[in-house]
Structure formats: C-alpha cells, structure tokens
PDB file of N, CA and C in Angstrom:
ATOM      1  N   UNK A   1       3.334  26.461 -46.712  1.00  0.00           N
ATOM      2  CA  UNK A   1       3.288  26.815 -45.311  1.00  0.00           C
ATOM      3  C   UNK A   1       4.690  26.704 -44.725  1.00  0.00           C
ATOM      4  N   UNK A   2       5.079  27.667 -43.999  1.00  0.00           N
ATOM      5  CA  UNK A   2       6.385  27.725 -43.354  1.00  0.00           C
ATOM      6  C   UNK A   2       6.394  26.801 -42.128  1.00  0.00           C
ATOM      7  N   UNK A   3       7.529  26.149 -41.855  1.00  0.00           N
ATOM      8  CA  UNK A   3       7.656  25.238 -40.713  1.00  0.00           C
ATOM      9  C   UNK A   3       7.408  25.959 -39.399  1.00  0.00           C
ATOM     10  N   UNK A   4       7.896  27.161 -39.257  1.00  0.00           N
ATOM     11  CA  UNK A   4       7.706  27.943 -38.037  1.00  0.00           C
ATOM     12  C   UNK A   4       6.221  28.221 -37.823  1.00  0.00           C
ATOM     13  N   UNK A   5       5.507  28.570 -38.887  1.00  0.00           N
ATOM     14  CA  UNK A   5       4.066  28.811 -38.789  1.00  0.00           C
ATOM     15  C   UNK A   5       3.325  27.548 -38.349  1.00  0.00           C
ATOM     16  N   UNK A   6       3.745  26.407 -38.898  1.00  0.00           N
ATOM     17  CA  UNK A   6       3.101  25.152 -38.548  1.00  0.00           C
ATOM     18  C   UNK A   6       3.205  24.892 -37.047  1.00  0.00           C
ATOM     19  N   UNK A   7       4.422  24.983 -36.496  1.00  0.00           N
ATOM     20  CA  UNK A   7       4.619  24.702 -35.066  1.00  0.00           C
ATOM     21  C   UNK A   7       3.947  25.758 -34.191  1.00  0.00           C
ATOM     22  N   UNK A   8       3.856  26.949 -34.669  1.00  0.00           N
ATOM     23  CA  UNK A   8       3.166  27.998 -33.919  1.00  0.00           C
ATOM     24  C   UNK A   8       1.674  27.672 -33.836  1.00  0.00           C
ATOM     25  N   UNK A   9       1.107  27.191 -34.943  1.00  0.00           N
ATOM     26  CA  UNK A   9      -0.302  26.810 -34.941  1.00  0.00           C
ATOM     27  C   UNK A   9      -0.544  25.611 -34.021  1.00  0.00           C
ATOM     28  N   UNK A  10       0.379  24.663 -34.033  1.00  0.00           N
ATOM     29  CA  UNK A  10       0.254  23.494 -33.145  1.00  0.00           C
ATOM     30  C   UNK A  10       0.280  23.953 -31.692  1.00  0.00           C
ATOM     31  N   UNK A  11       1.203  24.836 -31.353  1.00  0.00           N
ATOM     32  CA  UNK A  11       1.315  25.335 -29.988  1.00  0.00           C
ATOM     33  C   UNK A  11       0.062  26.073 -29.554  1.00  0.00           C
ATOM     34  N   UNK A  12      -0.568  26.779 -30.455  1.00  0.00           N
ATOM     35  CA  UNK A  12      -1.798  27.516 -30.128  1.00  0.00           C
ATOM     36  C   UNK A  12      -2.972  26.564 -29.884  1.00  0.00           C
ATOM     37  N   UNK A  13      -2.967  25.392 -30.541  1.00  0.00           N
ATOM     38  CA  UNK A  13      -4.047  24.426 -30.375  1.00  0.00           C
ATOM     39  C   UNK A  13      -3.933  23.621 -29.079  1.00  0.00           C
ATOM     40  N   UNK A  14      -2.716  23.489 -28.570  1.00  0.00           N
ATOM     41  CA  UNK A  14      -2.514  22.712 -27.353  1.00  0.00           C
ATOM     42  C   UNK A  14      -3.002  23.479 -26.137  1.00  0.00           C
ATOM     43  N   UNK A  15      -3.600  22.740 -25.197  1.00  0.00           N
ATOM     44  CA  UNK A  15      -4.021  23.365 -23.952  1.00  0.00           C
ATOM     45  C   UNK A  15      -2.809  23.525 -23.038  1.00  0.00           C
ATOM     46  N   UNK A  16      -2.766  24.607 -22.295  1.00  0.00           N
ATOM     47  CA  UNK A  16      -1.632  24.785 -21.397  1.00  0.00           C
ATOM     48  C   UNK A  16      -1.643  23.734 -20.286  1.00  0.00           C
ATOM     49  N   UNK A  17      -0.467  23.348 -19.862  1.00  0.00           N
ATOM     50  CA  UNK A  17      -0.327  22.366 -18.790  1.00  0.00           C
ATOM     51  C   UNK A  17      -0.672  23.041 -17.479  1.00  0.00           C
ATOM     52  N   UNK A  18      -1.596  22.436 -16.749  1.00  0.00           N
ATOM     53  CA  UNK A  18      -1.981  23.023 -15.462  1.00  0.00           C
ATOM     54  C   UNK A  18      -0.942  22.659 -14.408  1.00  0.00           C
ATOM     55  N   UNK A  19      -0.842  23.479 -13.415  1.00  0.00           N
ATOM     56  CA  UNK A  19       0.069  23.198 -12.309  1.00  0.00           C
ATOM     57  C   UNK A  19      -0.579  22.146 -11.420  1.00  0.00           C
ATOM     58  N   UNK A  20      -0.148  20.924 -11.583  1.00  0.00           N
ATOM     59  CA  UNK A  20      -0.705  19.810 -10.830  1.00  0.00           C
ATOM     60  C   UNK A  20       0.221  19.521  -9.652  1.00  0.00           C
ATOM     61  N   UNK A  21      -0.333  19.554  -8.457  1.00  0.00           N
ATOM     62  CA  UNK A  21       0.454  19.272  -7.264  1.00  0.00           C
ATOM     63  C   UNK A  21       0.536  17.755  -7.078  1.00  0.00           C
ATOM     64  N   UNK A  22       1.740  17.235  -6.921  1.00  0.00           N
ATOM     65  CA  UNK A  22       1.955  15.810  -6.764  1.00  0.00           C
ATOM     66  C   UNK A  22       1.851  15.433  -5.296  1.00  0.00           C
ATOM     67  N   UNK A  23       1.070  14.392  -5.021  1.00  0.00           N
ATOM     68  CA  UNK A  23       0.943  13.868  -3.659  1.00  0.00           C
ATOM     69  C   UNK A  23       1.520  12.462  -3.627  1.00  0.00           C
ATOM     70  N   UNK A  24       2.414  12.225  -2.697  1.00  0.00           N
ATOM     71  CA  UNK A  24       2.970  10.893  -2.494  1.00  0.00           C
ATOM     72  C   UNK A  24       2.247  10.287  -1.299  1.00  0.00           C
ATOM     73  N   UNK A  25       1.734   9.067  -1.459  1.00  0.00           N
ATOM     74  CA  UNK A  25       0.931   8.467  -0.401  1.00  0.00           C
ATOM     75  C   UNK A  25       1.312   7.017  -0.171  1.00  0.00           C
ATOM     76  N   UNK A  26       1.120   6.595   1.060  1.00  0.00           N
ATOM     77  CA  UNK A  26       1.238   5.186   1.424  1.00  0.00           C
ATOM     78  C   UNK A  26      -0.120   4.773   1.991  1.00  0.00           C
ATOM     79  N   UNK A  27      -0.670   3.695   1.444  1.00  0.00           N
ATOM     80  CA  UNK A  27      -1.944   3.164   1.914  1.00  0.00           C
ATOM     81  C   UNK A  27      -1.670   1.981   2.834  1.00  0.00           C
ATOM     82  N   UNK A  28      -2.484   1.853   3.880  1.00  0.00           N
ATOM     83  CA  UNK A  28      -2.267   0.803   4.869  1.00  0.00           C
ATOM     84  C   UNK A  28      -3.609   0.237   5.331  1.00  0.00           C
ATOM     85  N   UNK A  29      -3.546  -0.962   5.935  1.00  0.00           N
ATOM     86  CA  UNK A  29      -4.778  -1.597   6.419  1.00  0.00           C
ATOM     87  C   UNK A  29      -5.032  -1.235   7.880  1.00  0.00           C
ATOM     88  N   UNK A  30      -6.060  -1.839   8.468  1.00  0.00           N
ATOM     89  CA  UNK A  30      -6.462  -1.490   9.835  1.00  0.00           C
ATOM     90  C   UNK A  30      -5.436  -1.892  10.890  1.00  0.00           C
ATOM     91  N   UNK A  31      -4.526  -2.809  10.555  1.00  0.00           N
ATOM     92  CA  UNK A  31      -3.487  -3.211  11.505  1.00  0.00           C
ATOM     93  C   UNK A  31      -2.225  -2.365  11.370  1.00  0.00           C
ATOM     94  N   UNK A  32      -2.186  -1.476  10.379  1.00  0.00           N
ATOM     95  CA  UNK A  32      -1.018  -0.631  10.166  1.00  0.00           C
ATOM     96  C   UNK A  32      -0.030  -1.183   9.162  1.00  0.00           C
ATOM     97  N   UNK A  33      -0.343  -2.314   8.557  1.00  0.00           N
ATOM     98  CA  UNK A  33       0.543  -2.915   7.564  1.00  0.00           C
ATOM     99  C   UNK A  33       0.436  -2.156   6.246  1.00  0.00           C
ATOM    100  N   UNK A  34       1.581  -1.855   5.647  1.00  0.00           N
ATOM    101  CA  UNK A  34       1.614  -1.118   4.385  1.00  0.00           C
ATOM    102  C   UNK A  34       1.053  -1.990   3.271  1.00  0.00           C
ATOM    103  N   UNK A  35       0.121  -1.422   2.500  1.00  0.00           N
ATOM    104  CA  UNK A  35      -0.448  -2.126   1.356  1.00  0.00           C
ATOM    105  C   UNK A  35       0.277  -1.761   0.067  1.00  0.00           C
ATOM    106  N   UNK A  36       0.419  -0.441  -0.190  1.00  0.00           N
ATOM    107  CA  UNK A  36       1.108   0.008  -1.396  1.00  0.00           C
ATOM    108  C   UNK A  36       1.394   1.501  -1.314  1.00  0.00           C
ATOM    109  N   UNK A  37       2.311   1.948  -2.154  1.00  0.00           N
ATOM    110  CA  UNK A  37       2.670   3.353  -2.303  1.00  0.00           C
ATOM    111  C   UNK A  37       2.129   3.827  -3.644  1.00  0.00           C
ATOM    112  N   UNK A  38       1.597   5.047  -3.706  1.00  0.00           N
ATOM    113  CA  UNK A  38       1.038   5.550  -4.957  1.00  0.00           C
ATOM    114  C   UNK A  38       0.990   7.072  -4.951  1.00  0.00           C
ATOM    115  N   UNK A  39       0.770   7.647  -6.121  1.00  0.00           N
ATOM    116  CA  UNK A  39       0.546   9.084  -6.244  1.00  0.00           C
ATOM    117  C   UNK A  39      -0.908   9.366  -6.590  1.00  0.00           C
ATOM    118  N   UNK A  40      -1.736   8.322  -6.600  1.00  0.00           N
ATOM    119  CA  UNK A  40      -3.150   8.467  -6.912  1.00  0.00           C
ATOM    120  C   UNK A  40      -3.958   8.697  -5.638  1.00  0.00           C
ATOM    121  N   UNK A  41      -5.129   9.288  -5.804  1.00  0.00           N
ATOM    122  CA  UNK A  41      -6.059   9.443  -4.684  1.00  0.00           C
ATOM    123  C   UNK A  41      -7.065   8.310  -4.763  1.00  0.00           C
ATOM    124  N   UNK A  42      -6.973   7.375  -3.821  1.00  0.00           N
ATOM    125  CA  UNK A  42      -7.830   6.199  -3.802  1.00  0.00           C
ATOM    126  C   UNK A  42      -8.547   6.116  -2.461  1.00  0.00           C
ATOM    127  N   UNK A  43      -9.641   5.370  -2.385  1.00  0.00           N
ATOM    128  CA  UNK A  43     -10.303   5.226  -1.091  1.00  0.00           C
ATOM    129  C   UNK A  43      -9.468   4.350  -0.156  1.00  0.00           C
ATOM    130  N   UNK A  44      -9.567   4.611   1.119  1.00  0.00           N
ATOM    131  CA  UNK A  44      -8.853   3.807   2.101  1.00  0.00           C
ATOM    132  C   UNK A  44      -8.003   4.663   3.013  1.00  0.00           C
ATOM    133  N   UNK A  45      -7.331   4.006   3.949  1.00  0.00           N
ATOM    134  CA  UNK A  45      -6.447   4.694   4.893  1.00  0.00           C
ATOM    135  C   UNK A  45      -5.116   5.004   4.220  1.00  0.00           C
ATOM    136  N   UNK A  46      -4.668   6.245   4.341  1.00  0.00           N
ATOM    137  CA  UNK A  46      -3.393   6.621   3.738  1.00  0.00           C
ATOM    138  C   UNK A  46      -2.722   7.715   4.555  1.00  0.00           C
ATOM    139  N   UNK A  47      -1.421   7.853   4.318  1.00  0.00           N
ATOM    140  CA  UNK A  47      -0.632   8.948   4.877  1.00  0.00           C
ATOM    141  C   UNK A  47       0.035   9.672   3.724  1.00  0.00           C
ATOM    142  N   UNK A  48       0.097  10.987   3.791  1.00  0.00           N
ATOM    143  CA  UNK A  48       0.902  11.743   2.840  1.00  0.00           C
ATOM    144  C   UNK A  48       2.352  11.647   3.293  1.00  0.00           C
ATOM    145  N   UNK A  49       3.246  11.342   2.356  1.00  0.00           N
ATOM    146  CA  UNK A  49       4.659  11.173   2.681  1.00  0.00           C
ATOM    147  C   UNK A  49       5.497  12.023   1.744  1.00  0.00           C
ATOM    148  N   UNK A  50       6.785  12.150   2.051  1.00  0.00           N
ATOM    149  CA  UNK A  50       7.665  12.943   1.194  1.00  0.00           C
ATOM    150  C   UNK A  50       8.200  12.077   0.040  1.00  0.00           C
ATOM    151  N   UNK A  51       8.856  12.737  -0.883  1.00  0.00           N
ATOM    152  CA  UNK A  51       9.338  12.077  -2.108  1.00  0.00           C
ATOM    153  C   UNK A  51      10.385  11.000  -1.800  1.00  0.00           C
ATOM    154  N   UNK A  52      11.265  11.250  -0.845  1.00  0.00           N
ATOM    155  CA  UNK A  52      12.325  10.296  -0.510  1.00  0.00           C
ATOM    156  C   UNK A  52      11.737   9.012   0.075  1.00  0.00           C
ATOM    157  N   UNK A  53      10.747   9.168   0.959  1.00  0.00           N
ATOM    158  CA  UNK A  53      10.090   7.999   1.543  1.00  0.00           C
ATOM    159  C   UNK A  53       9.362   7.213   0.460  1.00  0.00           C
ATOM    160  N   UNK A  54       8.730   7.925  -0.449  1.00  0.00           N
ATOM    161  CA  UNK A  54       8.043   7.281  -1.567  1.00  0.00           C
ATOM    162  C   UNK A  54       9.036   6.499  -2.433  1.00  0.00           C
ATOM    163  N   UNK A  55      10.194   7.076  -2.681  1.00  0.00           N
ATOM    164  CA  UNK A  55      11.208   6.422  -3.516  1.00  0.00           C
ATOM    165  C   UNK A  55      11.737   5.145  -2.848  1.00  0.00           C
ATOM    166  N   UNK A  56      11.848   5.145  -1.514  1.00  0.00           N
ATOM    167  CA  UNK A  56      12.305   3.953  -0.798  1.00  0.00           C
ATOM    168  C   UNK A  56      11.250   2.855  -0.850  1.00  0.00           C
ATOM    169  N   UNK A  57       9.994   3.235  -0.719  1.00  0.00           N
ATOM    170  CA  UNK A  57       8.855   2.299  -0.778  1.00  0.00           C
ATOM    171  C   UNK A  57       9.096   1.061   0.075  1.00  0.00           C
ATOM    172  N   UNK A  58       9.380   1.271   1.340  1.00  0.00           N
ATOM    173  CA  UNK A  58       9.664   0.184   2.266  1.00  0.00           C
ATOM    174  C   UNK A  58       8.376  -0.560   2.600  1.00  0.00           C
ATOM    175  N   UNK A  59       8.226  -1.765   2.056  1.00  0.00           N
ATOM    176  CA  UNK A  59       6.995  -2.535   2.285  1.00  0.00           C
ATOM    177  C   UNK A  59       6.946  -3.144   3.680  1.00  0.00           C
ATOM    178  N   UNK A  60       8.067  -3.144   4.406  1.00  0.00           N
ATOM    179  CA  UNK A  60       8.100  -3.693   5.757  1.00  0.00           C
ATOM    180  C   UNK A  60       7.797  -2.641   6.816  1.00  0.00           C
ATOM    181  N   UNK A  61       7.651  -1.388   6.403  1.00  0.00           N
ATOM    182  CA  UNK A  61       7.329  -0.327   7.350  1.00  0.00           C
ATOM    183  C   UNK A  61       5.905  -0.519   7.862  1.00  0.00           C
ATOM    184  N   UNK A  62       5.611   0.111   8.988  1.00  0.00           N
ATOM    185  CA  UNK A  62       4.280   0.040   9.593  1.00  0.00           C
ATOM    186  C   UNK A  62       3.772   1.437   9.879  1.00  0.00           C
ATOM    187  N   UNK A  63       2.466   1.583   9.954  1.00  0.00           N
ATOM    188  CA  UNK A  63       1.858   2.840  10.363  1.00  0.00           C
ATOM    189  C   UNK A  63       1.429   2.669  11.818  1.00  0.00           C
ATOM    190  N   UNK A  64       2.001   3.508  12.687  1.00  0.00           N
ATOM    191  CA  UNK A  64       1.675   3.474  14.103  1.00  0.00           C
ATOM    192  C   UNK A  64       1.400   4.889  14.569  1.00  0.00           C
ATOM    193  N   UNK A  65       0.252   5.088  15.195  1.00  0.00           N
ATOM    194  CA  UNK A  65      -0.149   6.402  15.707  1.00  0.00           C
ATOM    195  C   UNK A  65      -0.079   7.485  14.637  1.00  0.00           C
ATOM    196  N   UNK A  66      -0.485   7.156  13.420  1.00  0.00           N
ATOM    197  CA  UNK A  66      -0.528   8.124  12.337  1.00  0.00           C
ATOM    198  C   UNK A  66       0.813   8.477  11.732  1.00  0.00           C
ATOM    199  N   UNK A  67       1.852   7.673  12.021  1.00  0.00           N
ATOM    200  CA  UNK A  67       3.188   7.915  11.462  1.00  0.00           C
ATOM    201  C   UNK A  67       3.725   6.640  10.843  1.00  0.00           C
ATOM    202  N   UNK A  68       4.510   6.806   9.772  1.00  0.00           N
ATOM    203  CA  UNK A  68       5.144   5.678   9.121  1.00  0.00           C
ATOM    204  C   UNK A  68       6.431   5.359   9.873  1.00  0.00           C
ATOM    205  N   UNK A  69       6.532   4.122  10.375  1.00  0.00           N
ATOM    206  CA  UNK A  69       7.658   3.708  11.202  1.00  0.00           C
ATOM    207  C   UNK A  69       8.390   2.578  10.493  1.00  0.00           C
ATOM    208  N   UNK A  70       9.722   2.680  10.429  1.00  0.00           N
ATOM    209  CA  UNK A  70      10.517   1.617   9.816  1.00  0.00           C
ATOM    210  C   UNK A  70      10.365   0.346  10.639  1.00  0.00           C
ATOM    211  N   UNK A  71      10.361  -0.788   9.982  1.00  0.00           N
ATOM    212  CA  UNK A  71      10.187  -2.071  10.664  1.00  0.00           C
ATOM    213  C   UNK A  71      11.417  -2.405  11.484  1.00  0.00           C
ATOM    214  N   UNK A  72      11.191  -3.230  12.491  1.00  0.00           N
ATOM    215  CA  UNK A  72      12.313  -3.717  13.289  1.00  0.00           C
ATOM    216  C   UNK A  72      13.242  -4.514  12.387  1.00  0.00           C
ATOM    217  N   UNK A  73      14.436  -4.709  12.846  1.00  0.00           N
ATOM    218  CA  UNK A  73      15.441  -5.384  12.033  1.00  0.00           C
ATOM    219  C   UNK A  73      15.013  -6.784  11.637  1.00  0.00           C
ATOM    220  N   UNK A  74      14.455  -7.518  12.594  1.00  0.00           N
ATOM    221  CA  UNK A  74      14.012  -8.872  12.301  1.00  0.00           C
ATOM    222  C   UNK A  74      12.508  -8.966  12.503  1.00  0.00           C
ATOM    223  N   UNK A  75      11.854  -9.580  11.557  1.00  0.00           N
ATOM    224  CA  UNK A  75      10.409  -9.767  11.643  1.00  0.00           C
ATOM    225  C   UNK A  75      10.113 -11.224  11.319  1.00  0.00           C
ATOM    226  N   UNK A  76       9.375 -11.865  12.202  1.00  0.00           N
ATOM    227  CA  UNK A  76       8.935 -13.217  11.907  1.00  0.00           C
ATOM    228  C   UNK A  76       7.417 -13.228  11.964  1.00  0.00           C
ATOM    229  N   UNK A  77       6.829 -14.128  11.239  1.00  0.00           N
ATOM    230  CA  UNK A  77       5.381 -14.201  11.163  1.00  0.00           C
ATOM    231  C   UNK A  77       4.941 -15.651  11.248  1.00  0.00           C
ATOM    232  N   UNK A  78       3.726 -15.841  11.744  1.00  0.00           N
ATOM    233  CA  UNK A  78       3.153 -17.179  11.722  1.00  0.00           C
ATOM    234  C   UNK A  78       1.635 -17.065  11.707  1.00  0.00           C
ATOM    235  N   UNK A  79       0.979 -18.116  11.246  1.00  0.00           N
ATOM    236  CA  UNK A  79      -0.468 -18.171  11.248  1.00  0.00           C
ATOM    237  C   UNK A  79      -0.951 -18.562  12.642  1.00  0.00           C
ATOM    238  N   UNK A  80      -1.963 -17.843  13.112  1.00  0.00           N
ATOM    239  CA  UNK A  80      -2.553 -18.135  14.412  1.00  0.00           C
ATOM    240  C   UNK A  80      -4.071 -18.192  14.259  1.00  0.00           C
ATOM    241  N   UNK A  81      -4.747 -19.053  15.044  1.00  0.00           N
ATOM    242  CA  UNK A  81      -6.212 -19.081  14.988  1.00  0.00           C
ATOM    243  C   UNK A  81      -6.776 -17.759  15.479  1.00  0.00           C
ATOM    244  N   UNK A  82      -7.889 -17.337  14.880  1.00  0.00           N
ATOM    245  CA  UNK A  82      -8.488 -16.060  15.235  1.00  0.00           C
ATOM    246  C   UNK A  82      -9.966 -16.090  14.892  1.00  0.00           C
ATOM    247  N   UNK A  83     -10.707 -15.103  15.400  1.00  0.00           N
ATOM    248  CA  UNK A  83     -12.128 -14.986  15.076  1.00  0.00           C
ATOM    249  C   UNK A  83     -12.341 -14.424  13.677  1.00  0.00           C
ATOM    250  N   UNK A  84     -11.366 -13.655  13.191  1.00  0.00           N
ATOM    251  CA  UNK A  84     -11.421 -13.096  11.845  1.00  0.00           C
ATOM    252  C   UNK A  84     -10.268 -13.678  11.049  1.00  0.00           C
ATOM    253  N   UNK A  85     -10.422 -13.695   9.755  1.00  0.00           N
ATOM    254  CA  UNK A  85      -9.344 -14.193   8.902  1.00  0.00           C
ATOM    255  C   UNK A  85      -9.877 -15.166   7.881  1.00  0.00           C
ATOM    256  N   UNK A  86      -8.966 -15.872   7.246  1.00  0.00           N
ATOM    257  CA  UNK A  86      -9.325 -16.817   6.187  1.00  0.00           C
ATOM    258  C   UNK A  86      -9.805 -18.132   6.795  1.00  0.00           C
ATOM    259  N   UNK A  87     -11.051 -18.551   6.510  1.00  0.00           N
ATOM    260  CA  UNK A  87     -11.523 -19.843   7.022  1.00  0.00           C
ATOM    261  C   UNK A  87     -10.891 -21.000   6.251  1.00  0.00           C
ATOM    262  N   UNK A  88     -10.384 -21.984   6.996  1.00  0.00           N
ATOM    263  CA  UNK A  88      -9.711 -23.132   6.394  1.00  0.00           C
ATOM    264  C   UNK A  88     -10.238 -24.426   7.007  1.00  0.00           C
ATOM    265  N   UNK A  89      -9.902 -25.512   6.371  1.00  0.00           N
ATOM    266  CA  UNK A  89     -10.258 -26.837   6.874  1.00  0.00           C
ATOM    267  C   UNK A  89      -9.664 -27.001   8.272  1.00  0.00           C
ATOM    268  N   UNK A  90     -10.391 -27.602   9.222  1.00  0.00           N
ATOM    269  CA  UNK A  90      -9.897 -27.695  10.602  1.00  0.00           C
ATOM    270  C   UNK A  90      -8.577 -28.451  10.756  1.00  0.00           C
ATOM    271  N   UNK A  91      -8.269 -29.348   9.828  1.00  0.00           N
ATOM    272  CA  UNK A  91      -7.056 -30.149   9.963  1.00  0.00           C
ATOM    273  C   UNK A  91      -5.969 -29.789   8.953  1.00  0.00           C
ATOM    274  N   UNK A  92      -6.259 -28.835   8.051  1.00  0.00           N
ATOM    275  CA  UNK A  92      -5.258 -28.482   7.045  1.00  0.00           C
ATOM    276  C   UNK A  92      -5.408 -27.018   6.663  1.00  0.00           C
ATOM    277  N   UNK A  93      -4.468 -26.196   7.064  1.00  0.00           N
ATOM    278  CA  UNK A  93      -4.536 -24.754   6.808  1.00  0.00           C
ATOM    279  C   UNK A  93      -4.399 -24.425   5.323  1.00  0.00           C
ATOM    280  N   UNK A  94      -3.923 -25.363   4.520  1.00  0.00           N
ATOM    281  CA  UNK A  94      -3.730 -25.134   3.091  1.00  0.00           C
ATOM    282  C   UNK A  94      -5.019 -25.278   2.290  1.00  0.00           C
ATOM    283  N   UNK A  95      -6.105 -25.758   2.929  1.00  0.00           N
ATOM    284  CA  UNK A  95      -7.364 -25.957   2.219  1.00  0.00           C
ATOM    285  C   UNK A  95      -8.357 -24.896   2.690  1.00  0.00           C
ATOM    286  N   UNK A  96      -8.720 -23.998   1.788  1.00  0.00           N
ATOM    287  CA  UNK A  96      -9.684 -22.948   2.096  1.00  0.00           C
ATOM    288  C   UNK A  96     -11.078 -23.583   2.130  1.00  0.00           C
ATOM    289  N   UNK A  97     -11.854 -23.233   3.163  1.00  0.00           N
ATOM    290  CA  UNK A  97     -13.157 -23.847   3.350  1.00  0.00           C
ATOM    291  C   UNK A  97     -14.190 -22.794   3.706  1.00  0.00           C
ATOM    292  N   UNK A  98     -15.428 -23.009   3.243  1.00  0.00           N
ATOM    293  CA  UNK A  98     -16.502 -22.106   3.637  1.00  0.00           C
ATOM    294  C   UNK A  98     -17.594 -22.854   4.390  1.00  0.00           C
ATOM    295  N   UNK A  99     -17.296 -24.064   4.842  1.00  0.00           N
ATOM    296  CA  UNK A  99     -18.281 -24.848   5.591  1.00  0.00           C
ATOM    297  C   UNK A  99     -18.383 -24.335   7.029  1.00  0.00           C
ATOM    298  N   UNK A 100     -19.361 -24.886   7.771  1.00  0.00           N
ATOM    299  CA  UNK A 100     -19.543 -24.487   9.165  1.00  0.00           C
ATOM    300  C   UNK A 100     -18.394 -24.975  10.037  1.00  0.00           C
ATOM    301  N   UNK A 101     -17.802 -26.082   9.672  1.00  0.00           N
ATOM    302  CA  UNK A 101     -16.683 -26.646  10.419  1.00  0.00           C
ATOM    303  C   UNK A 101     -15.380 -26.122   9.824  1.00  0.00           C
ATOM    304  N   UNK A 102     -14.937 -24.977  10.308  1.00  0.00           N
ATOM    305  CA  UNK A 102     -13.675 -24.436   9.797  1.00  0.00           C
ATOM    306  C   UNK A 102     -12.961 -23.692  10.917  1.00  0.00           C
ATOM    307  N   UNK A 103     -11.694 -23.434  10.681  1.00  0.00           N
ATOM    308  CA  UNK A 103     -10.878 -22.650  11.598  1.00  0.00           C
ATOM    309  C   UNK A 103     -10.414 -21.422  10.845  1.00  0.00           C
ATOM    310  N   UNK A 104     -10.562 -20.257  11.457  1.00  0.00           N
ATOM    311  CA  UNK A 104     -10.112 -19.030  10.815  1.00  0.00           C
ATOM    312  C   UNK A 104      -8.687 -18.735  11.252  1.00  0.00           C
ATOM    313  N   UNK A 105      -7.865 -18.309  10.289  1.00  0.00           N
ATOM    314  CA  UNK A 105      -6.456 -18.043  10.542  1.00  0.00           C
ATOM    315  C   UNK A 105      -6.107 -16.626  10.132  1.00  0.00           C
ATOM    316  N   UNK A 106      -5.162 -16.082  10.844  1.00  0.00           N
ATOM    317  CA  UNK A 106      -4.679 -14.742  10.543  1.00  0.00           C
ATOM    318  C   UNK A 106      -3.163 -14.734  10.715  1.00  0.00           C
ATOM    319  N   UNK A 107      -2.481 -13.899   9.935  1.00  0.00           N
ATOM    320  CA  UNK A 107      -1.030 -13.799  10.011  1.00  0.00           C
ATOM    321  C   UNK A 107      -0.645 -12.835  11.126  1.00  0.00           C
ATOM    322  N   UNK A 108       0.134 -13.325  12.091  1.00  0.00           N
ATOM    323  CA  UNK A 108       0.589 -12.493  13.205  1.00  0.00           C
ATOM    324  C   UNK A 108       2.070 -12.218  13.018  1.00  0.00           C
ATOM    325  N   UNK A 109       2.462 -10.936  13.194  1.00  0.00           N
ATOM    326  CA  UNK A 109       3.853 -10.518  13.029  1.00  0.00           C
ATOM    327  C   UNK A 109       4.504 -10.340  14.391  1.00  0.00           C
ATOM    328  N   UNK A 110       5.722 -10.817  14.509  1.00  0.00           N
ATOM    329  CA  UNK A 110       6.516 -10.641  15.720  1.00  0.00           C
ATOM    330  C   UNK A 110       7.738  -9.820  15.343  1.00  0.00           C
ATOM    331  N   UNK A 111       7.767  -8.555  15.761  1.00  0.00           N
ATOM    332  CA  UNK A 111       8.899  -7.681  15.466  1.00  0.00           C
ATOM    333  C   UNK A 111       9.899  -7.790  16.599  1.00  0.00           C
ATOM    334  N   UNK A 112      11.175  -7.857  16.229  1.00  0.00           N
ATOM    335  CA  UNK A 112      12.207  -7.969  17.237  1.00  0.00           C
ATOM    336  C   UNK A 112      13.441  -7.213  16.761  1.00  0.00           C
ATOM    337  N   UNK A 113      13.918  -6.310  17.571  1.00  0.00           N
ATOM    338  CA  UNK A 113      15.151  -5.580  17.241  1.00  0.00           C
ATOM    339  C   UNK A 113      16.342  -6.470  17.522  1.00  0.00           C
ATOM    340  N   UNK A 114      17.360  -6.378  16.691  1.00  0.00           N
ATOM    341  CA  UNK A 114      18.541  -7.223  16.898  1.00  0.00           C
ATOM    342  C   UNK A 114      19.522  -6.579  17.849  1.00  0.00           C
TER     343      UNK A 114
END
C-alpha cells in the first residue's frame, strides 16, 4: 500500500469539522458578582462577552444593569448580619451552625474610587 493512498483513506474516514461558533460568557450571581468565565453553555445568569474581555477574565468586575462593569479601584469587604447567608454560631462567625440559635452572615462589598 502506498503512503499517499493510506493518508487519503484516513482523510475519507474522518468526519468533516463543523463550523462551531465560539461563545465567550461570564456567569454571575444575583448580586452581580462574577462567578466564572467560560465558553460552555451552562445554566444560570450569564452575559455574552467579546474575546478580549474573556482573555482579561477580571474576577473583580461586576454585572450592573445587564453590562459588565470594571470594579472600582479599591474594594473592601466585611461580614454583616443578614436574613440570608451562612448560619454561624451567635458568638463566633468561624463556627458554622445549623441550630435554631444562629446568626446569618453575608459578605458586603464597599466599592470606592481612589
């Protein structure tokens, strides 16, 4: 068998590559905080973005009014009591608790431009 014939037969057996359109996406939670960047179609809130934004993958960016917005220069965060969030021991936020006597905490972000 000739080498050229062999590769020709291999090429005939292969399926042609379909034209697959690439989608760049950023997924975010209900508060607008970026969760992750991906090219997969997954359930959840997402925005279609361009290739350059995908390459930057800025995890500090936020989604506001359906647009991806770069984060302020300085961001500080702290735990604050809330009705929703992780339930913890009333006297120690480091101990996760599921008892009736607990305090729920949530991370609050304070954005500030310099």
